[in-house]
Amino acid sequence: MPKKNKKSKYLIKRIANSRMLYLLQRAHEIFPQKKELANRYAYLARRYAQRAKIKIPAEWKKRICNKCKNFLYPGLNCRVRLHSHRGKGSHVSLTCFDCDKTTRYFIKLKNNSDNKN
């Protein structure tokens, strides 16, 4: 069996990345009209990333539910809340309406102690 060279691996990853991003953009555009098709697009995009061993960008990764793997569209099938706590730090919570899974994304605070004179 012939080995794949580095150039062909690079091309496979580049093609998979472009297809994945295209599918996620189409899922975002089509979700209000056709929810099932948008979920299918998100599933296919995840499969492209898994097969090519590439990462889904953070802005798109947060748009897929960790439990039911459906595409999340704020206001239609998920709720987005901003929670601020002084001592603990702030976080954004995303709640999926399909499976009631809440995912929290913590916000890092900047240290103002470096700016003191």
N, C-alpha and C. Protein backbone atom coordinates (compact mmCIF):
# COMPACT_ATOMS: atom_id res chain seq x y z
N MET A 1 0.83 -1.17 0.00
CA MET A 1 0.00 0.00 0.00
C MET A 1 0.89 1.24 0.00
N PRO A 2 0.67 2.18 -0.93
CA PRO A 2 1.53 3.36 -0.99
C PRO A 2 1.27 4.30 0.18
N LYS A 3 2.35 4.92 0.62
CA LYS A 3 2.23 5.88 1.72
C LYS A 3 1.76 7.23 1.17
N LYS A 4 1.03 7.96 2.01
CA LYS A 4 0.62 9.31 1.64
C LYS A 4 1.75 10.26 2.01
N ASN A 5 2.08 11.13 1.10
CA ASN A 5 3.13 12.08 1.44
C ASN A 5 2.54 13.29 2.16
N LYS A 6 3.40 14.16 2.66
CA LYS A 6 2.96 15.30 3.46
C LYS A 6 2.11 16.26 2.64
N LYS A 7 2.40 16.38 1.36
CA LYS A 7 1.66 17.32 0.53
C LYS A 7 0.20 16.86 0.37
N SER A 8 -0.02 15.58 0.21
CA SER A 8 -1.39 15.10 0.06
C SER A 8 -2.16 15.23 1.38
N LYS A 9 -1.49 15.01 2.53
CA LYS A 9 -2.15 15.20 3.82
C LYS A 9 -2.55 16.65 4.01
N TYR A 10 -1.67 17.56 3.59
CA TYR A 10 -1.96 18.98 3.70
C TYR A 10 -3.17 19.34 2.84
N LEU A 11 -3.23 18.80 1.64
CA LEU A 11 -4.36 19.08 0.75
C LEU A 11 -5.66 18.52 1.31
N ILE A 12 -5.61 17.33 1.87
CA ILE A 12 -6.81 16.72 2.46
C ILE A 12 -7.32 17.58 3.61
N LYS A 13 -6.41 18.04 4.47
CA LYS A 13 -6.82 18.87 5.61
C LYS A 13 -7.36 20.21 5.15
N ARG A 14 -6.75 20.79 4.12
CA ARG A 14 -7.21 22.08 3.62
C ARG A 14 -8.60 21.97 3.00
N ILE A 15 -8.83 20.93 2.23
CA ILE A 15 -10.15 20.72 1.61
C ILE A 15 -11.20 20.44 2.68
N ALA A 16 -10.86 19.61 3.65
CA ALA A 16 -11.80 19.29 4.73
C ALA A 16 -12.14 20.54 5.54
N ASN A 17 -11.14 21.38 5.79
CA ASN A 17 -11.38 22.61 6.54
C ASN A 17 -12.31 23.55 5.79
N SER A 18 -12.09 23.70 4.49
CA SER A 18 -12.96 24.60 3.72
C SER A 18 -14.39 24.06 3.64
N ARG A 19 -14.54 22.75 3.49
CA ARG A 19 -15.89 22.15 3.45
C ARG A 19 -16.58 22.27 4.80
N MET A 20 -15.82 22.07 5.86
CA MET A 20 -16.39 22.16 7.20
C MET A 20 -16.90 23.58 7.47
N LEU A 21 -16.09 24.59 7.16
CA LEU A 21 -16.51 25.97 7.37
C LEU A 21 -17.72 26.33 6.51
N TYR A 22 -17.74 25.85 5.27
CA TYR A 22 -18.87 26.12 4.39
C TYR A 22 -20.16 25.51 4.96
N LEU A 23 -20.08 24.27 5.43
CA LEU A 23 -21.26 23.61 5.98
C LEU A 23 -21.77 24.32 7.23
N LEU A 24 -20.86 24.78 8.09
CA LEU A 24 -21.29 25.48 9.30
C LEU A 24 -21.92 26.83 8.97
N GLN A 25 -21.39 27.53 7.96
CA GLN A 25 -22.01 28.79 7.53
C GLN A 25 -23.39 28.55 6.95
N ARG A 26 -23.52 27.51 6.14
CA ARG A 26 -24.83 27.17 5.56
C ARG A 26 -25.83 26.76 6.65
N ALA A 27 -25.36 26.06 7.68
CA ALA A 27 -26.23 25.68 8.79
C ALA A 27 -26.75 26.91 9.51
N HIS A 28 -25.88 27.90 9.69
CA HIS A 28 -26.29 29.14 10.33
C HIS A 28 -27.33 29.89 9.49
N GLU A 29 -27.14 29.91 8.18
CA GLU A 29 -28.06 30.63 7.30
C GLU A 29 -29.42 29.94 7.19
N ILE A 30 -29.42 28.62 7.15
CA ILE A 30 -30.63 27.87 6.83
C ILE A 30 -31.43 27.47 8.07
N PHE A 31 -30.86 27.63 9.27
CA PHE A 31 -31.51 27.11 10.48
C PHE A 31 -32.93 27.64 10.70
N PRO A 32 -33.21 28.95 10.55
CA PRO A 32 -34.59 29.40 10.81
C PRO A 32 -35.64 28.74 9.91
N GLN A 33 -35.28 28.35 8.70
CA GLN A 33 -36.24 27.73 7.80
C GLN A 33 -36.28 26.21 7.95
N LYS A 34 -35.12 25.57 7.97
CA LYS A 34 -35.04 24.10 7.98
C LYS A 34 -34.09 23.64 9.08
N LYS A 35 -34.65 23.34 10.23
CA LYS A 35 -33.86 22.95 11.39
C LYS A 35 -33.14 21.62 11.18
N GLU A 36 -33.84 20.64 10.62
CA GLU A 36 -33.25 19.31 10.43
C GLU A 36 -32.07 19.35 9.47
N LEU A 37 -32.18 20.13 8.41
CA LEU A 37 -31.09 20.25 7.44
C LEU A 37 -29.87 20.92 8.08
N ALA A 38 -30.11 21.93 8.91
CA ALA A 38 -29.01 22.60 9.60
C ALA A 38 -28.31 21.64 10.56
N ASN A 39 -29.08 20.80 11.25
CA ASN A 39 -28.47 19.81 12.14
C ASN A 39 -27.65 18.79 11.35
N ARG A 40 -28.12 18.43 10.17
CA ARG A 40 -27.39 17.50 9.30
C ARG A 40 -26.07 18.14 8.84
N TYR A 41 -26.12 19.41 8.47
CA TYR A 41 -24.91 20.12 8.05
C TYR A 41 -23.89 20.16 9.20
N ALA A 42 -24.36 20.41 10.42
CA ALA A 42 -23.45 20.44 11.57
C ALA A 42 -22.84 19.06 11.81
N TYR A 43 -23.65 18.01 11.63
CA TYR A 43 -23.15 16.63 11.78
C TYR A 43 -22.07 16.34 10.74
N LEU A 44 -22.32 16.72 9.49
CA LEU A 44 -21.34 16.48 8.43
C LEU A 44 -20.06 17.27 8.66
N ALA A 45 -20.19 18.49 9.14
CA ALA A 45 -19.01 19.31 9.43
C ALA A 45 -18.16 18.67 10.52
N ARG A 46 -18.81 18.13 11.55
CA ARG A 46 -18.09 17.44 12.60
C ARG A 46 -17.38 16.20 12.06
N ARG A 47 -18.03 15.50 11.17
CA ARG A 47 -17.43 14.30 10.58
C ARG A 47 -16.19 14.65 9.73
N TYR A 48 -16.28 15.75 8.96
CA TYR A 48 -15.11 16.20 8.20
C TYR A 48 -13.94 16.47 9.14
N ALA A 49 -14.21 17.15 10.26
CA ALA A 49 -13.15 17.49 11.21
C ALA A 49 -12.56 16.22 11.83
N GLN A 50 -13.41 15.27 12.15
CA GLN A 50 -12.92 14.03 12.76
C GLN A 50 -12.09 13.21 11.80
N ARG A 51 -12.56 13.10 10.57
CA ARG A 51 -11.84 12.28 9.59
C ARG A 51 -10.48 12.87 9.23
N ALA A 52 -10.44 14.20 9.09
CA ALA A 52 -9.18 14.85 8.69
C ALA A 52 -8.31 15.21 9.89
N LYS A 53 -8.81 14.95 11.11
CA LYS A 53 -8.09 15.27 12.34
C LYS A 53 -7.74 16.76 12.41
N ILE A 54 -8.75 17.59 12.19
CA ILE A 54 -8.59 19.04 12.31
C ILE A 54 -9.54 19.53 13.39
N LYS A 55 -9.22 20.70 13.94
CA LYS A 55 -10.05 21.27 14.99
C LYS A 55 -11.13 22.15 14.39
N ILE A 56 -12.29 22.13 15.02
CA ILE A 56 -13.35 23.05 14.66
C ILE A 56 -13.01 24.38 15.33
N PRO A 57 -13.08 25.51 14.62
CA PRO A 57 -12.78 26.79 15.24
C PRO A 57 -13.68 27.06 16.45
N ALA A 58 -13.16 27.78 17.43
CA ALA A 58 -13.87 27.99 18.70
C ALA A 58 -15.22 28.65 18.52
N GLU A 59 -15.32 29.61 17.58
CA GLU A 59 -16.60 30.31 17.40
C GLU A 59 -17.68 29.38 16.85
N TRP A 60 -17.28 28.35 16.11
CA TRP A 60 -18.25 27.38 15.59
C TRP A 60 -18.44 26.21 16.54
N LYS A 61 -17.41 25.86 17.30
CA LYS A 61 -17.51 24.75 18.22
C LYS A 61 -18.54 25.03 19.32
N LYS A 62 -18.64 26.30 19.70
CA LYS A 62 -19.61 26.69 20.71
C LYS A 62 -21.04 26.67 20.18
N ARG A 63 -21.21 26.55 18.87
CA ARG A 63 -22.53 26.54 18.26
C ARG A 63 -23.07 25.13 18.08
N ILE A 64 -22.38 24.12 18.58
CA ILE A 64 -22.82 22.73 18.51
C ILE A 64 -22.96 22.23 19.95
N CYS A 65 -24.12 21.67 20.28
CA CYS A 65 -24.39 21.17 21.64
C CYS A 65 -23.47 19.99 21.94
N ASN A 66 -22.93 19.99 23.16
CA ASN A 66 -22.01 18.92 23.55
C ASN A 66 -22.73 17.60 23.82
N LYS A 67 -24.02 17.65 24.13
CA LYS A 67 -24.74 16.44 24.47
C LYS A 67 -25.48 15.86 23.27
N CYS A 68 -26.37 16.64 22.65
CA CYS A 68 -27.19 16.10 21.55
C CYS A 68 -26.58 16.37 20.18
N LYS A 69 -25.51 17.15 20.11
CA LYS A 69 -24.77 17.44 18.87
C LYS A 69 -25.60 18.21 17.84
N ASN A 70 -26.66 18.89 18.27
CA ASN A 70 -27.45 19.71 17.36
C ASN A 70 -26.82 21.08 17.21
N PHE A 71 -27.15 21.75 16.10
CA PHE A 71 -26.67 23.10 15.85
C PHE A 71 -27.44 24.06 16.74
N LEU A 72 -26.73 24.95 17.42
CA LEU A 72 -27.37 25.89 18.34
C LEU A 72 -27.52 27.26 17.67
N TYR A 73 -28.73 27.77 17.72
CA TYR A 73 -29.04 29.09 17.16
C TYR A 73 -29.66 29.91 18.28
N PRO A 74 -28.93 30.89 18.83
CA PRO A 74 -29.42 31.63 19.99
C PRO A 74 -30.78 32.27 19.73
N GLY A 75 -31.68 32.07 20.68
CA GLY A 75 -33.01 32.63 20.59
C GLY A 75 -34.04 31.66 20.02
N LEU A 76 -33.60 30.70 19.21
CA LEU A 76 -34.54 29.74 18.63
C LEU A 76 -34.49 28.38 19.32
N ASN A 77 -33.31 27.85 19.52
CA ASN A 77 -33.23 26.56 20.22
C ASN A 77 -32.19 26.55 21.34
N CYS A 78 -31.70 27.73 21.72
CA CYS A 78 -30.83 27.81 22.89
C CYS A 78 -30.95 29.19 23.53
N ARG A 79 -30.59 29.23 24.81
CA ARG A 79 -30.65 30.47 25.58
C ARG A 79 -29.22 30.83 25.96
N VAL A 80 -28.88 32.11 25.84
CA VAL A 80 -27.54 32.59 26.18
C VAL A 80 -27.68 33.57 27.33
N ARG A 81 -26.95 33.32 28.40
CA ARG A 81 -26.98 34.19 29.56
C ARG A 81 -25.56 34.55 29.96
N LEU A 82 -25.40 35.79 30.43
CA LEU A 82 -24.11 36.26 30.92
C LEU A 82 -24.21 36.39 32.44
N HIS A 83 -23.36 35.68 33.15
CA HIS A 83 -23.34 35.71 34.61
C HIS A 83 -22.04 36.35 35.06
N SER A 84 -22.14 37.32 35.95
CA SER A 84 -20.94 37.97 36.44
C SER A 84 -20.85 37.81 37.95
N HIS A 85 -19.71 37.33 38.40
CA HIS A 85 -19.42 37.15 39.83
C HIS A 85 -18.08 37.79 40.10
N ARG A 86 -18.01 38.58 41.15
CA ARG A 86 -16.77 39.28 41.44
C ARG A 86 -15.62 38.34 41.80
N GLY A 87 -15.82 37.49 42.76
CA GLY A 87 -14.73 36.64 43.22
C GLY A 87 -14.46 35.46 42.32
N LYS A 88 -15.52 34.84 41.80
CA LYS A 88 -15.37 33.62 41.02
C LYS A 88 -14.99 33.88 39.58
N GLY A 89 -15.35 35.00 39.04
CA GLY A 89 -15.14 35.27 37.62
C GLY A 89 -16.44 35.12 36.86
N SER A 90 -16.53 35.69 35.72
CA SER A 90 -17.75 35.69 34.93
C SER A 90 -17.78 34.53 33.96
N HIS A 91 -19.00 34.18 33.52
CA HIS A 91 -19.12 33.14 32.52
C HIS A 91 -20.39 33.35 31.69
N VAL A 92 -20.35 32.78 30.50
CA VAL A 92 -21.50 32.76 29.61
C VAL A 92 -22.08 31.37 29.66
N SER A 93 -23.39 31.27 29.87
CA SER A 93 -24.00 29.95 29.90
C SER A 93 -24.94 29.80 28.71
N LEU A 94 -24.78 28.69 28.00
CA LEU A 94 -25.61 28.34 26.85
C LEU A 94 -26.47 27.15 27.25
N THR A 95 -27.79 27.28 27.14
CA THR A 95 -28.70 26.19 27.48
C THR A 95 -29.41 25.73 26.22
N CYS A 96 -29.25 24.46 25.88
CA CYS A 96 -29.90 23.86 24.72
C CYS A 96 -31.34 23.52 25.11
N PHE A 97 -32.31 23.92 24.28
CA PHE A 97 -33.71 23.62 24.55
C PHE A 97 -34.07 22.19 24.19
N ASP A 98 -33.29 21.54 23.33
CA ASP A 98 -33.59 20.17 22.92
C ASP A 98 -33.27 19.16 24.02
N CYS A 99 -32.13 19.33 24.68
CA CYS A 99 -31.72 18.34 25.69
C CYS A 99 -31.54 18.95 27.08
N ASP A 100 -31.75 20.25 27.24
CA ASP A 100 -31.61 20.97 28.51
C ASP A 100 -30.20 20.91 29.10
N LYS A 101 -29.21 20.76 28.26
CA LYS A 101 -27.81 20.76 28.70
C LYS A 101 -27.33 22.21 28.79
N THR A 102 -26.71 22.57 29.92
CA THR A 102 -26.14 23.90 30.10
C THR A 102 -24.63 23.80 30.01
N THR A 103 -24.06 24.61 29.13
CA THR A 103 -22.62 24.65 28.95
C THR A 103 -22.13 26.02 29.36
N ARG A 104 -21.08 26.06 30.16
CA ARG A 104 -20.54 27.33 30.64
C ARG A 104 -19.18 27.60 30.00
N TYR A 105 -19.01 28.83 29.54
CA TYR A 105 -17.73 29.29 28.99
C TYR A 105 -17.24 30.41 29.88
N PHE A 106 -16.15 30.17 30.60
CA PHE A 106 -15.65 31.14 31.56
C PHE A 106 -14.87 32.24 30.85
N ILE A 107 -14.99 33.45 31.39
CA ILE A 107 -14.33 34.62 30.83
C ILE A 107 -13.14 34.93 31.73
N LYS A 108 -11.97 35.00 31.14
CA LYS A 108 -10.77 35.29 31.90
C LYS A 108 -10.73 36.78 32.21
N LEU A 109 -10.37 37.10 33.44
CA LEU A 109 -10.26 38.48 33.86
C LEU A 109 -8.84 38.97 33.66
N LYS A 110 -8.72 40.24 33.29
CA LYS A 110 -7.40 40.83 33.14
C LYS A 110 -6.91 41.28 34.50
N ASN A 111 -5.63 41.08 34.76
CA ASN A 111 -5.04 41.54 36.02
C ASN A 111 -4.67 42.99 35.89
N ASN A 112 -5.27 43.82 36.72
CA ASN A 112 -4.94 45.24 36.71
C ASN A 112 -3.79 45.55 37.64
N SER A 113 -3.26 44.54 38.35
CA SER A 113 -2.14 44.76 39.26
C SER A 113 -0.87 45.10 38.51
N ASP A 114 -0.77 44.72 37.23
CA ASP A 114 0.41 45.03 36.43
C ASP A 114 0.48 46.51 36.09
N ASN A 115 -0.66 47.19 36.04
CA ASN A 115 -0.71 48.59 35.64
C ASN A 115 -0.52 49.55 36.80
N LYS A 116 -0.43 49.04 38.03
CA LYS A 116 -0.27 49.93 39.18
C LYS A 116 1.14 50.52 39.23
N ASN A 117 1.21 51.75 39.73
CA ASN A 117 2.50 52.44 39.80
C ASN A 117 3.23 52.11 41.08
